[in-house]
Amino acid sequence: MTLLENTNEFKLESPPTDCIQNIKFGLTSSQFLLTASWDTHVRLYDITVNKLKTQYKHNSPVLDCCFQDNNHAWSGGFDQQVKIFDLAAGVETVAGSHNGAIRCVEYAPDINVVITGGWDACVKLWDARSPSPSGSFAQPDKIYTMDVCGETLVVGTAGRRVLVWDLRNMSYVQQRRESSLKYQTRYIKCFPNKQGYVLSSIEGRVSVEYFDPAPEAQKKKYAFKCHRNKDTTTGIENIYPVNAISFHKVYNTFATGGSDGFVNIWDGFNKKRLCQFHKYPTSISSLAFSPDNNYLAIASSYLFETSDAKDIPADNIFIRRVTDHETKPK
């Protein structure tokens, strides 16, 4: 079966030309997809007509982006600049900067702030109404990943540290944790029901964690292996980083994407894998369920996990129409 024989799936036209670092849908619109990539551009796609609508650029690779609303995108990357782009007017503004590469950009709709996290070990909050920094907060190390659920910000840094902040009161850290996985944290994503988060590592593992510090809640946390395969000739198990996680907003099930080129759907509460999609051309670098949960956007980009790669596949974004059969707990 070739990749696009599956009629539930299509490739976006005019994809980024270098590693796709992140892809994000809007908060309410399943029509538009924003992409940040190493080719220095942020792109806006209309997936309903499979068209690149507009794009803007940074001075160096872009590592993350987000929608503030349907008309405004925020982004950051190696040029250390926090940029806002008016998607309708085509006007670009530099809101401010970090003292290192900006790794994460998230919007918190409940309190209308944009949050940026950088390799300068700093989280900054930005007032989305009058783009200006409204606070800078030191973290213990380089920021690798972060996510927002409601008024809670979860930050994953180097050294396997996880910090849980209350965005309404950033004067102190609510919880300081250490990842229950032994190797470097790659990605964190919060449950839509706001009870906890899922964390992945570079070593083919995922952990399911809960915010409630009570012992009975903490007893529910667990970790599992995924994105691994055994070489049938040598018997050696190949282990791949888990690069991306995205949640189905209704069912609280989640997709993981690995450097093995596979996407899996999991029922985290019942500790079951629901399905695995076909193999994609190369590593899955980012995933995003649409707000209406009808689509899963899948970025396929080689991440240079090995230095001897030849014939590297082109960067592509696949839009897959997902079904209840694939995403609903059984």
C-alpha atoms as a PDB file:
ATOM      1  CA  MET A   1       0.000   0.000   0.000  1.00  0.00           C
ATOM      2  CA  THR A   2       1.464   3.374  -0.961  1.00  0.00           C
ATOM      3  CA  LEU A   3       1.228   6.244   1.451  1.00  0.00           C
ATOM      4  CA  LEU A   4      -1.592   8.070  -0.229  1.00  0.00           C
ATOM      5  CA  GLU A   5      -3.745   5.116  -1.233  1.00  0.00           C
ATOM      6  CA  ASN A   6      -5.400   5.748   2.115  1.00  0.00           C
ATOM      7  CA  THR A   7      -8.178   8.137   1.079  1.00  0.00           C
ATOM      8  CA  ASN A   8      -8.391   9.391   4.670  1.00  0.00           C
ATOM      9  CA  GLU A   9      -5.053  11.137   4.237  1.00  0.00           C
ATOM     10  CA  PHE A  10      -3.380  13.730   2.034  1.00  0.00           C
ATOM     11  CA  LYS A  11      -0.098  15.652   1.871  1.00  0.00           C
ATOM     12  CA  LEU A  12      -0.033  19.432   2.211  1.00  0.00           C
ATOM     13  CA  GLU A  13       1.129  21.290  -0.881  1.00  0.00           C
ATOM     14  CA  SER A  14       4.199  23.594  -0.573  1.00  0.00           C
ATOM     15  CA  PRO A  15       5.574  22.056   2.634  1.00  0.00           C
ATOM     16  CA  PRO A  16       8.542  23.506   4.566  1.00  0.00           C
ATOM     17  CA  THR A  17      11.902  22.762   2.985  1.00  0.00           C
ATOM     18  CA  ASP A  18      13.826  21.937   6.170  1.00  0.00           C
ATOM     19  CA  CYS A  19      13.015  20.190   9.454  1.00  0.00           C
ATOM     20  CA  ILE A  20       9.438  20.864  10.600  1.00  0.00           C
ATOM     21  CA  GLN A  21       9.853  21.579  14.297  1.00  0.00           C
ATOM     22  CA  ASN A  22       6.228  22.180  15.266  1.00  0.00           C
ATOM     23  CA  ILE A  23       2.715  22.278  13.825  1.00  0.00           C
ATOM     24  CA  LYS A  24      -0.336  23.751  15.549  1.00  0.00           C
ATOM     25  CA  PHE A  25      -3.995  24.253  14.796  1.00  0.00           C
ATOM     26  CA  GLY A  26      -5.876  27.295  16.071  1.00  0.00           C
ATOM     27  CA  LEU A  27      -7.856  27.179  19.306  1.00  0.00           C
ATOM     28  CA  THR A  28     -11.229  26.918  17.604  1.00  0.00           C
ATOM     29  CA  SER A  29     -10.551  26.658  13.872  1.00  0.00           C
ATOM     30  CA  SER A  30      -9.786  23.288  12.314  1.00  0.00           C
ATOM     31  CA  GLN A  31      -9.247  25.006   8.965  1.00  0.00           C
ATOM     32  CA  PHE A  32      -5.849  26.608   9.584  1.00  0.00           C
ATOM     33  CA  LEU A  33      -2.527  25.020  10.503  1.00  0.00           C
ATOM     34  CA  LEU A  34       0.596  26.939  11.551  1.00  0.00           C
ATOM     35  CA  THR A  35       4.091  25.479  11.072  1.00  0.00           C
ATOM     36  CA  ALA A  36       7.540  26.388  12.437  1.00  0.00           C
ATOM     37  CA  SER A  37      10.558  25.035  10.602  1.00  0.00           C
ATOM     38  CA  TRP A  38      14.324  25.154  10.233  1.00  0.00           C
ATOM     39  CA  ASP A  39      14.005  26.875   6.856  1.00  0.00           C
ATOM     40  CA  THR A  40      13.420  30.086   8.930  1.00  0.00           C
ATOM     41  CA  HIS A  41       9.748  30.421   7.955  1.00  0.00           C
ATOM     42  CA  VAL A  42       6.426  30.271   9.749  1.00  0.00           C
ATOM     43  CA  ARG A  43       3.693  29.127   7.365  1.00  0.00           C
ATOM     44  CA  LEU A  44      -0.102  29.255   7.514  1.00  0.00           C
ATOM     45  CA  TYR A  45      -2.014  26.541   5.622  1.00  0.00           C
ATOM     46  CA  ASP A  46      -5.704  26.235   4.853  1.00  0.00           C
ATOM     47  CA  ILE A  47      -6.149  22.467   5.035  1.00  0.00           C
ATOM     48  CA  THR A  48      -9.691  22.537   3.618  1.00  0.00           C
ATOM     49  CA  VAL A  49      -8.372  23.624   0.209  1.00  0.00           C
ATOM     50  CA  ASN A  50      -4.797  22.324   0.705  1.00  0.00           C
ATOM     51  CA  LYS A  51      -3.193  25.705   0.165  1.00  0.00           C
ATOM     52  CA  LEU A  52      -0.366  27.750   1.664  1.00  0.00           C
ATOM     53  CA  LYS A  53      -2.108  31.009   2.620  1.00  0.00           C
ATOM     54  CA  THR A  54       0.774  33.145   3.887  1.00  0.00           C
ATOM     55  CA  GLN A  55       4.210  32.969   5.468  1.00  0.00           C
ATOM     56  CA  TYR A  56       6.757  35.120   7.250  1.00  0.00           C
ATOM     57  CA  LYS A  57      10.362  34.606   8.226  1.00  0.00           C
ATOM     58  CA  HIS A  58      12.855  34.845  11.060  1.00  0.00           C
ATOM     59  CA  ASN A  59      16.611  35.364  10.686  1.00  0.00           C
ATOM     60  CA  SER A  60      17.331  31.738  11.604  1.00  0.00           C
ATOM     61  CA  PRO A  61      15.481  28.448  12.258  1.00  0.00           C
ATOM     62  CA  VAL A  62      12.078  28.737  13.945  1.00  0.00           C
ATOM     63  CA  LEU A  63      11.511  26.283  16.788  1.00  0.00           C
ATOM     64  CA  ASP A  64       7.902  26.993  17.789  1.00  0.00           C
ATOM     65  CA  CYS A  65       4.795  29.002  16.992  1.00  0.00           C
ATOM     66  CA  CYS A  66       1.197  29.362  18.143  1.00  0.00           C
ATOM     67  CA  PHE A  67      -2.055  31.109  17.333  1.00  0.00           C
ATOM     68  CA  GLN A  68      -3.233  33.844  19.692  1.00  0.00           C
ATOM     69  CA  ASP A  69      -6.489  34.060  17.706  1.00  0.00           C
ATOM     70  CA  ASN A  70      -7.473  33.418  14.102  1.00  0.00           C
ATOM     71  CA  ASN A  71      -5.567  36.511  12.921  1.00  0.00           C
ATOM     72  CA  HIS A  72      -2.387  36.573  15.012  1.00  0.00           C
ATOM     73  CA  ALA A  73       0.553  34.159  15.170  1.00  0.00           C
ATOM     74  CA  TRP A  74       3.469  34.237  17.633  1.00  0.00           C
ATOM     75  CA  SER A  75       6.811  32.545  17.031  1.00  0.00           C
ATOM     76  CA  GLY A  76      10.387  32.198  18.222  1.00  0.00           C
ATOM     77  CA  GLY A  77      13.593  30.360  17.447  1.00  0.00           C
ATOM     78  CA  PHE A  78      17.352  30.664  17.151  1.00  0.00           C
ATOM     79  CA  ASP A  79      17.298  34.415  16.417  1.00  0.00           C
ATOM     80  CA  GLN A  80      16.029  34.872  20.011  1.00  0.00           C
ATOM     81  CA  GLN A  81      13.215  37.188  18.845  1.00  0.00           C
ATOM     82  CA  VAL A  82       9.575  36.864  19.889  1.00  0.00           C
ATOM     83  CA  LYS A  83       7.612  37.767  16.769  1.00  0.00           C
ATOM     84  CA  ILE A  84       3.915  38.493  16.238  1.00  0.00           C
ATOM     85  CA  PHE A  85       2.447  38.353  12.768  1.00  0.00           C
ATOM     86  CA  ASP A  86      -0.935  39.748  11.756  1.00  0.00           C
ATOM     87  CA  LEU A  87      -2.022  37.017   9.344  1.00  0.00           C
ATOM     88  CA  ALA A  88      -4.709  39.147   7.703  1.00  0.00           C
ATOM     89  CA  ALA A  89      -2.742  42.381   7.281  1.00  0.00           C
ATOM     90  CA  GLY A  90       0.669  40.778   6.752  1.00  0.00           C
ATOM     91  CA  VAL A  91       2.238  43.016   9.410  1.00  0.00           C
ATOM     92  CA  GLU A  92       5.091  41.751  11.590  1.00  0.00           C
ATOM     93  CA  THR A  93       6.019  43.009  15.079  1.00  0.00           C
ATOM     94  CA  VAL A  94       8.947  42.077  17.320  1.00  0.00           C
ATOM     95  CA  ALA A  95       7.486  41.916  20.832  1.00  0.00           C
ATOM     96  CA  GLY A  96      10.814  41.288  22.583  1.00  0.00           C
ATOM     97  CA  SER A  97      13.531  38.702  22.980  1.00  0.00           C
ATOM     98  CA  HIS A  98      15.303  36.050  25.051  1.00  0.00           C
ATOM     99  CA  ASN A  99      19.034  35.694  25.746  1.00  0.00           C
ATOM    100  CA  GLY A 100      19.080  32.313  24.046  1.00  0.00           C
ATOM    101  CA  ALA A 101      17.176  30.316  21.453  1.00  0.00           C
ATOM    102  CA  ILE A 102      13.403  30.319  22.035  1.00  0.00           C
ATOM    103  CA  ARG A 103      12.327  26.692  22.179  1.00  0.00           C
ATOM    104  CA  CYS A 104       8.621  26.932  23.159  1.00  0.00           C
ATOM    105  CA  VAL A 105       5.755  29.307  22.370  1.00  0.00           C
ATOM    106  CA  GLU A 106       2.307  28.695  23.888  1.00  0.00           C
ATOM    107  CA  TYR A 107      -0.922  30.684  24.272  1.00  0.00           C
ATOM    108  CA  ALA A 108      -2.985  30.472  27.480  1.00  0.00           C
ATOM    109  CA  PRO A 109      -6.519  31.483  26.463  1.00  0.00           C
ATOM    110  CA  ASP A 110      -7.901  31.378  30.013  1.00  0.00           C
ATOM    111  CA  ILE A 111      -5.747  34.333  31.042  1.00  0.00           C
ATOM    112  CA  ASN A 112      -4.924  35.749  27.587  1.00  0.00           C
ATOM    113  CA  VAL A 113      -1.138  35.562  27.823  1.00  0.00           C
ATOM    114  CA  VAL A 114       1.475  34.158  25.468  1.00  0.00           C
ATOM    115  CA  ILE A 115       4.287  32.209  27.132  1.00  0.00           C
ATOM    116  CA  THR A 116       7.757  31.706  25.700  1.00  0.00           C
ATOM    117  CA  GLY A 117      10.472  29.413  27.042  1.00  0.00           C
ATOM    118  CA  GLY A 118      14.092  29.453  25.995  1.00  0.00           C
ATOM    119  CA  TRP A 119      17.491  27.891  26.253  1.00  0.00           C
ATOM    120  CA  ASP A 120      18.355  30.876  28.481  1.00  0.00           C
ATOM    121  CA  ALA A 121      16.486  28.952  31.238  1.00  0.00           C
ATOM    122  CA  CYS A 122      13.817  31.614  31.292  1.00  0.00           C
ATOM    123  CA  VAL A 123      10.022  31.663  30.881  1.00  0.00           C
ATOM    124  CA  LYS A 124       8.506  34.963  29.764  1.00  0.00           C
ATOM    125  CA  LEU A 125       4.852  35.981  29.833  1.00  0.00           C
ATOM    126  CA  TRP A 126       3.523  38.425  27.240  1.00  0.00           C
ATOM    127  CA  ASP A 127       0.337  40.464  27.437  1.00  0.00           C
ATOM    128  CA  ALA A 128      -1.558  39.497  24.305  1.00  0.00           C
ATOM    129  CA  ARG A 129      -3.674  42.692  24.333  1.00  0.00           C
ATOM    130  CA  SER A 130      -0.744  45.132  24.198  1.00  0.00           C
ATOM    131  CA  PRO A 131       2.204  42.985  23.151  1.00  0.00           C
ATOM    132  CA  SER A 132       4.725  43.541  25.900  1.00  0.00           C
ATOM    133  CA  PRO A 133       6.518  41.346  28.425  1.00  0.00           C
ATOM    134  CA  SER A 134       4.583  41.086  31.668  1.00  0.00           C
ATOM    135  CA  GLY A 135       7.100  38.970  33.564  1.00  0.00           C
ATOM    136  CA  SER A 136      10.286  36.908  33.338  1.00  0.00           C
ATOM    137  CA  PHE A 137      10.759  33.793  35.454  1.00  0.00           C
ATOM    138  CA  ALA A 138      13.989  31.837  35.920  1.00  0.00           C
ATOM    139  CA  GLN A 139      13.910  28.070  35.461  1.00  0.00           C
ATOM    140  CA  PRO A 140      16.561  25.608  36.698  1.00  0.00           C
ATOM    141  CA  ASP A 141      17.930  24.769  33.234  1.00  0.00           C
ATOM    142  CA  LYS A 142      17.412  24.969  29.458  1.00  0.00           C
ATOM    143  CA  ILE A 143      13.721  24.627  28.526  1.00  0.00           C
ATOM    144  CA  TYR A 144      13.017  21.717  26.176  1.00  0.00           C
ATOM    145  CA  THR A 145       9.222  21.550  26.256  1.00  0.00           C
ATOM    146  CA  MET A 146       6.182  23.077  27.931  1.00  0.00           C
ATOM    147  CA  ASP A 147       2.392  23.015  27.824  1.00  0.00           C
ATOM    148  CA  VAL A 148      -0.548  24.936  29.254  1.00  0.00           C
ATOM    149  CA  CYS A 149      -3.816  23.577  30.605  1.00  0.00           C
ATOM    150  CA  GLY A 150      -6.182  26.173  32.018  1.00  0.00           C
ATOM    151  CA  GLU A 151      -4.131  28.281  34.433  1.00  0.00           C
ATOM    152  CA  THR A 152      -1.408  25.647  34.859  1.00  0.00           C
ATOM    153  CA  LEU A 153       1.940  25.768  33.053  1.00  0.00           C
ATOM    154  CA  VAL A 154       4.098  22.621  32.949  1.00  0.00           C
ATOM    155  CA  VAL A 155       7.757  23.162  32.010  1.00  0.00           C
ATOM    156  CA  GLY A 156      10.221  20.386  31.140  1.00  0.00           C
ATOM    157  CA  THR A 157      13.899  21.326  31.305  1.00  0.00           C
ATOM    158  CA  ALA A 158      17.289  19.712  30.884  1.00  0.00           C
ATOM    159  CA  GLY A 159      18.298  17.507  33.775  1.00  0.00           C
ATOM    160  CA  ARG A 160      14.903  15.721  33.615  1.00  0.00           C
ATOM    161  CA  ARG A 161      13.272  18.417  35.728  1.00  0.00           C
ATOM    162  CA  VAL A 162       9.547  19.199  35.548  1.00  0.00           C
ATOM    163  CA  LEU A 163       8.089  22.385  37.074  1.00  0.00           C
ATOM    164  CA  VAL A 164       4.385  23.043  37.577  1.00  0.00           C
ATOM    165  CA  TRP A 165       3.458  26.748  37.754  1.00  0.00           C
ATOM    166  CA  ASP A 166       0.196  28.602  38.409  1.00  0.00           C
ATOM    167  CA  LEU A 167       0.016  31.339  35.758  1.00  0.00           C
ATOM    168  CA  ARG A 168      -2.072  33.527  38.108  1.00  0.00           C
ATOM    169  CA  ASN A 169       0.724  33.536  40.689  1.00  0.00           C
ATOM    170  CA  MET A 170       4.221  33.081  39.277  1.00  0.00           C
ATOM    171  CA  SER A 171       5.950  34.183  42.501  1.00  0.00           C
ATOM    172  CA  TYR A 172       6.817  30.577  43.329  1.00  0.00           C
ATOM    173  CA  VAL A 173       6.787  27.097  41.754  1.00  0.00           C
ATOM    174  CA  GLN A 174       3.720  25.057  42.710  1.00  0.00           C
ATOM    175  CA  GLN A 175       5.469  21.707  42.247  1.00  0.00           C
ATOM    176  CA  ARG A 176       9.056  20.671  41.489  1.00  0.00           C
ATOM    177  CA  ARG A 177       9.333  17.192  40.044  1.00  0.00           C
ATOM    178  CA  GLU A 178      11.812  14.909  38.414  1.00  0.00           C
ATOM    179  CA  SER A 179      10.814  12.924  35.349  1.00  0.00           C
ATOM    180  CA  SER A 180      10.078   9.306  36.210  1.00  0.00           C
ATOM    181  CA  LEU A 181      11.862   8.370  32.961  1.00  0.00           C
ATOM    182  CA  LYS A 182      15.612   7.803  33.101  1.00  0.00           C
ATOM    183  CA  TYR A 183      16.564   9.693  29.963  1.00  0.00           C
ATOM    184  CA  GLN A 184      16.235  13.200  28.564  1.00  0.00           C
ATOM    185  CA  THR A 185      12.724  14.642  28.347  1.00  0.00           C
ATOM    186  CA  ARG A 186      11.563  15.235  24.781  1.00  0.00           C
ATOM    187  CA  TYR A 187       7.922  16.354  25.058  1.00  0.00           C
ATOM    188  CA  ILE A 188       5.179  17.187  27.581  1.00  0.00           C
ATOM    189  CA  LYS A 189       1.454  17.471  26.842  1.00  0.00           C
ATOM    190  CA  CYS A 190      -1.372  18.066  29.338  1.00  0.00           C
ATOM    191  CA  PHE A 191      -4.571  16.026  29.484  1.00  0.00           C
ATOM    192  CA  PRO A 192      -7.572  18.048  28.200  1.00  0.00           C
ATOM    193  CA  ASN A 193      -9.354  17.155  31.468  1.00  0.00           C
ATOM    194  CA  LYS A 194      -6.526  19.007  33.307  1.00  0.00           C
ATOM    195  CA  GLN A 195      -5.810  16.096  35.669  1.00  0.00           C
ATOM    196  CA  GLY A 196      -2.211  15.578  34.581  1.00  0.00           C
ATOM    197  CA  TYR A 197       0.208  15.311  31.712  1.00  0.00           C
ATOM    198  CA  VAL A 198       2.016  12.845  29.486  1.00  0.00           C
ATOM    199  CA  LEU A 199       5.807  13.050  29.204  1.00  0.00           C
ATOM    200  CA  SER A 200       8.026  11.354  26.628  1.00  0.00           C
ATOM    201  CA  SER A 201      11.764  10.715  26.508  1.00  0.00           C
ATOM    202  CA  ILE A 202      14.461  10.149  23.906  1.00  0.00           C
ATOM    203  CA  GLU A 203      14.507   6.495  24.930  1.00  0.00           C
ATOM    204  CA  GLY A 204      11.197   5.139  23.592  1.00  0.00           C
ATOM    205  CA  ARG A 205       9.190   5.621  26.767  1.00  0.00           C
ATOM    206  CA  VAL A 206       6.152   7.600  27.850  1.00  0.00           C
ATOM    207  CA  SER A 207       4.958   8.346  31.385  1.00  0.00           C
ATOM    208  CA  VAL A 208       1.436   9.303  32.471  1.00  0.00           C
ATOM    209  CA  GLU A 209       1.552  11.697  35.450  1.00  0.00           C
ATOM    210  CA  TYR A 210      -1.070  13.322  37.694  1.00  0.00           C
ATOM    211  CA  PHE A 211      -1.026  16.811  39.245  1.00  0.00           C
ATOM    212  CA  ASP A 212      -2.760  15.835  42.474  1.00  0.00           C
ATOM    213  CA  PRO A 213       0.043  15.150  44.994  1.00  0.00           C
ATOM    214  CA  ALA A 214      -2.176  12.914  47.147  1.00  0.00           C
ATOM    215  CA  PRO A 215      -0.772   9.357  47.432  1.00  0.00           C
ATOM    216  CA  GLU A 216      -3.909   7.748  45.933  1.00  0.00           C
ATOM    217  CA  ALA A 217      -3.599   9.962  42.831  1.00  0.00           C
ATOM    218  CA  GLN A 218       0.147   9.361  42.541  1.00  0.00           C
ATOM    219  CA  LYS A 219      -0.445   5.604  42.667  1.00  0.00           C
ATOM    220  CA  LYS A 220      -2.152   5.880  39.268  1.00  0.00           C
ATOM    221  CA  LYS A 221       0.941   7.151  37.450  1.00  0.00           C
ATOM    222  CA  TYR A 222       2.792   4.694  35.250  1.00  0.00           C
ATOM    223  CA  ALA A 223       5.234   4.498  32.334  1.00  0.00           C
ATOM    224  CA  PHE A 224       5.367   2.289  29.264  1.00  0.00           C
ATOM    225  CA  LYS A 225       7.678   1.430  26.375  1.00  0.00           C
ATOM    226  CA  CYS A 226       6.810   2.385  22.808  1.00  0.00           C
ATOM    227  CA  HIS A 227       8.353   3.238  19.425  1.00  0.00           C
ATOM    228  CA  ARG A 228      10.702   0.269  19.500  1.00  0.00           C
ATOM    229  CA  ASN A 229      11.229  -2.645  17.170  1.00  0.00           C
ATOM    230  CA  LYS A 230      13.323  -5.778  17.234  1.00  0.00           C
ATOM    231  CA  ASP A 231      15.623  -6.630  14.345  1.00  0.00           C
ATOM    232  CA  THR A 232      14.556 -10.167  13.425  1.00  0.00           C
ATOM    233  CA  THR A 233      17.996 -11.100  12.088  1.00  0.00           C
ATOM    234  CA  THR A 234      20.140  -9.824  14.973  1.00  0.00           C
ATOM    235  CA  GLY A 235      17.605  -9.856  17.806  1.00  0.00           C
ATOM    236  CA  ILE A 236      18.705  -6.318  18.732  1.00  0.00           C
ATOM    237  CA  GLU A 237      15.963  -3.967  19.884  1.00  0.00           C
ATOM    238  CA  ASN A 238      16.023  -0.572  18.183  1.00  0.00           C
ATOM    239  CA  ILE A 239      14.817   2.219  20.479  1.00  0.00           C
ATOM    240  CA  TYR A 240      13.565   5.554  19.117  1.00  0.00           C
ATOM    241  CA  PRO A 241      12.874   8.989  20.640  1.00  0.00           C
ATOM    242  CA  VAL A 242       9.204   9.862  21.180  1.00  0.00           C
ATOM    243  CA  ASN A 243       9.139  13.360  19.646  1.00  0.00           C
ATOM    244  CA  ALA A 244       5.494  14.399  19.722  1.00  0.00           C
ATOM    245  CA  ILE A 245       2.241  13.941  21.639  1.00  0.00           C
ATOM    246  CA  SER A 246      -1.241  15.292  20.877  1.00  0.00           C
ATOM    247  CA  PHE A 247      -4.537  14.724  22.679  1.00  0.00           C
ATOM    248  CA  HIS A 248      -8.011  14.024  21.366  1.00  0.00           C
ATOM    249  CA  LYS A 249      -9.972  16.769  23.144  1.00  0.00           C
ATOM    250  CA  VAL A 250     -13.094  14.671  23.807  1.00  0.00           C
ATOM    251  CA  TYR A 251     -11.833  11.158  24.513  1.00  0.00           C
ATOM    252  CA  ASN A 252      -8.613  12.106  26.377  1.00  0.00           C
ATOM    253  CA  THR A 253      -6.806   9.534  24.216  1.00  0.00           C
ATOM    254  CA  PHE A 254      -3.509  10.646  22.727  1.00  0.00           C
ATOM    255  CA  ALA A 255      -1.254  10.151  19.728  1.00  0.00           C
ATOM    256  CA  THR A 256       2.508   9.683  19.958  1.00  0.00           C
ATOM    257  CA  GLY A 257       4.963  10.129  17.106  1.00  0.00           C
ATOM    258  CA  GLY A 258       8.417   8.584  17.102  1.00  0.00           C
ATOM    259  CA  SER A 259      11.646   8.574  15.154  1.00  0.00           C
ATOM    260  CA  ASP A 260      10.632   5.104  13.946  1.00  0.00           C
ATOM    261  CA  GLY A 261       8.206   6.863  11.560  1.00  0.00           C
ATOM    262  CA  PHE A 262       5.098   5.535  13.298  1.00  0.00           C
ATOM    263  CA  VAL A 263       2.090   7.201  14.934  1.00  0.00           C
ATOM    264  CA  ASN A 264       0.332   5.307  17.734  1.00  0.00           C
ATOM    265  CA  ILE A 265      -2.982   6.148  19.431  1.00  0.00           C
ATOM    266  CA  TRP A 266      -3.213   5.347  23.151  1.00  0.00           C
ATOM    267  CA  ASP A 267      -5.921   5.090  25.777  1.00  0.00           C
ATOM    268  CA  GLY A 268      -3.899   6.365  28.727  1.00  0.00           C
ATOM    269  CA  PHE A 269      -6.506   5.662  31.389  1.00  0.00           C
ATOM    270  CA  ASN A 270      -6.913   2.021  30.407  1.00  0.00           C
ATOM    271  CA  LYS A 271      -3.227   1.521  29.494  1.00  0.00           C
ATOM    272  CA  LYS A 272      -3.984   0.297  25.969  1.00  0.00           C
ATOM    273  CA  ARG A 273      -2.749   1.023  22.472  1.00  0.00           C
ATOM    274  CA  LEU A 274      -5.786   1.571  20.271  1.00  0.00           C
ATOM    275  CA  CYS A 275      -4.065   1.520  16.877  1.00  0.00           C
ATOM    276  CA  GLN A 276      -0.942   2.201  14.854  1.00  0.00           C
ATOM    277  CA  PHE A 277      -0.968   4.017  11.500  1.00  0.00           C
ATOM    278  CA  HIS A 278       1.151   2.982   8.527  1.00  0.00           C
ATOM    279  CA  LYS A 279       4.867   3.871   8.507  1.00  0.00           C
ATOM    280  CA  TYR A 280       5.666   7.410   7.381  1.00  0.00           C
ATOM    281  CA  PRO A 281       8.719   8.271   5.232  1.00  0.00           C
ATOM    282  CA  THR A 282      10.890   9.318   8.209  1.00  0.00           C
ATOM    283  CA  SER A 283      10.755  10.531  11.845  1.00  0.00           C
ATOM    284  CA  ILE A 284       7.523  12.037  13.177  1.00  0.00           C
ATOM    285  CA  SER A 285       8.614  15.472  14.418  1.00  0.00           C
ATOM    286  CA  SER A 286       5.259  16.959  15.444  1.00  0.00           C
ATOM    287  CA  LEU A 287       1.562  16.045  15.798  1.00  0.00           C
ATOM    288  CA  ALA A 288      -1.607  18.096  16.190  1.00  0.00           C
ATOM    289  CA  PHE A 289      -5.241  17.057  16.566  1.00  0.00           C
ATOM    290  CA  SER A 290      -7.625  19.646  15.131  1.00  0.00           C
ATOM    291  CA  PRO A 291      -9.992  21.400  17.591  1.00  0.00           C
ATOM    292  CA  ASP A 292     -12.978  19.465  16.178  1.00  0.00           C
ATOM    293  CA  ASN A 293     -10.963  16.217  16.593  1.00  0.00           C
ATOM    294  CA  ASN A 294     -11.670  15.195  12.984  1.00  0.00           C
ATOM    295  CA  TYR A 295      -8.084  15.545  11.781  1.00  0.00           C
ATOM    296  CA  LEU A 296      -4.591  14.688  12.933  1.00  0.00           C
ATOM    297  CA  ALA A 297      -1.789  16.696  11.313  1.00  0.00           C
ATOM    298  CA  ILE A 298       1.444  14.662  11.112  1.00  0.00           C
ATOM    299  CA  ALA A 299       4.843  16.246  10.380  1.00  0.00           C
ATOM    300  CA  SER A 300       7.376  13.859   8.870  1.00  0.00           C
ATOM    301  CA  SER A 301      10.927  15.247   9.073  1.00  0.00           C
ATOM    302  CA  TYR A 302      14.278  13.551   9.401  1.00  0.00           C
ATOM    303  CA  LEU A 303      15.790  14.579  12.762  1.00  0.00           C
ATOM    304  CA  PHE A 304      19.396  13.461  12.173  1.00  0.00           C
ATOM    305  CA  GLU A 305      19.296  10.779  14.865  1.00  0.00           C
ATOM    306  CA  THR A 306      22.163   9.067  13.022  1.00  0.00           C
ATOM    307  CA  SER A 307      25.016  10.730  11.175  1.00  0.00           C
ATOM    308  CA  ASP A 308      25.296   8.276   8.296  1.00  0.00           C
ATOM    309  CA  ALA A 309      21.874   8.763   6.713  1.00  0.00           C
ATOM    310  CA  LYS A 310      21.576   8.677   2.941  1.00  0.00           C
ATOM    311  CA  ASP A 311      18.646   9.529   0.658  1.00  0.00           C
ATOM    312  CA  ILE A 312      16.861  11.556   3.331  1.00  0.00           C
ATOM    313  CA  PRO A 313      13.130  11.821   2.520  1.00  0.00           C
ATOM    314  CA  ALA A 314      11.612  15.255   1.892  1.00  0.00           C
ATOM    315  CA  ASP A 315       9.860  17.082   4.718  1.00  0.00           C
ATOM    316  CA  ASN A 316       6.100  16.644   4.553  1.00  0.00           C
ATOM    317  CA  ILE A 317       2.922  17.276   6.509  1.00  0.00           C
ATOM    318  CA  PHE A 318       0.149  14.702   6.235  1.00  0.00           C
ATOM    319  CA  ILE A 319      -3.438  15.512   7.158  1.00  0.00           C
ATOM    320  CA  ARG A 320      -5.301  12.412   8.260  1.00  0.00           C
ATOM    321  CA  ARG A 321      -9.039  12.224   8.876  1.00  0.00           C
ATOM    322  CA  VAL A 322      -9.339  10.165  12.049  1.00  0.00           C
ATOM    323  CA  THR A 323     -12.274   7.995  13.078  1.00  0.00           C
ATOM    324  CA  ASP A 324     -13.866   6.977  16.364  1.00  0.00           C
ATOM    325  CA  HIS A 325     -12.616   3.480  15.671  1.00  0.00           C
ATOM    326  CA  GLU A 326      -9.043   4.816  15.893  1.00  0.00           C
ATOM    327  CA  THR A 327      -9.433   7.291  18.746  1.00  0.00           C
ATOM    328  CA  LYS A 328     -12.292   6.210  21.044  1.00  0.00           C
ATOM    329  CA  PRO A 329     -11.556   4.055  24.126  1.00  0.00           C
ATOM    330  CA  LYS A 330     -12.778   0.519  23.574  1.00  0.00           C
END
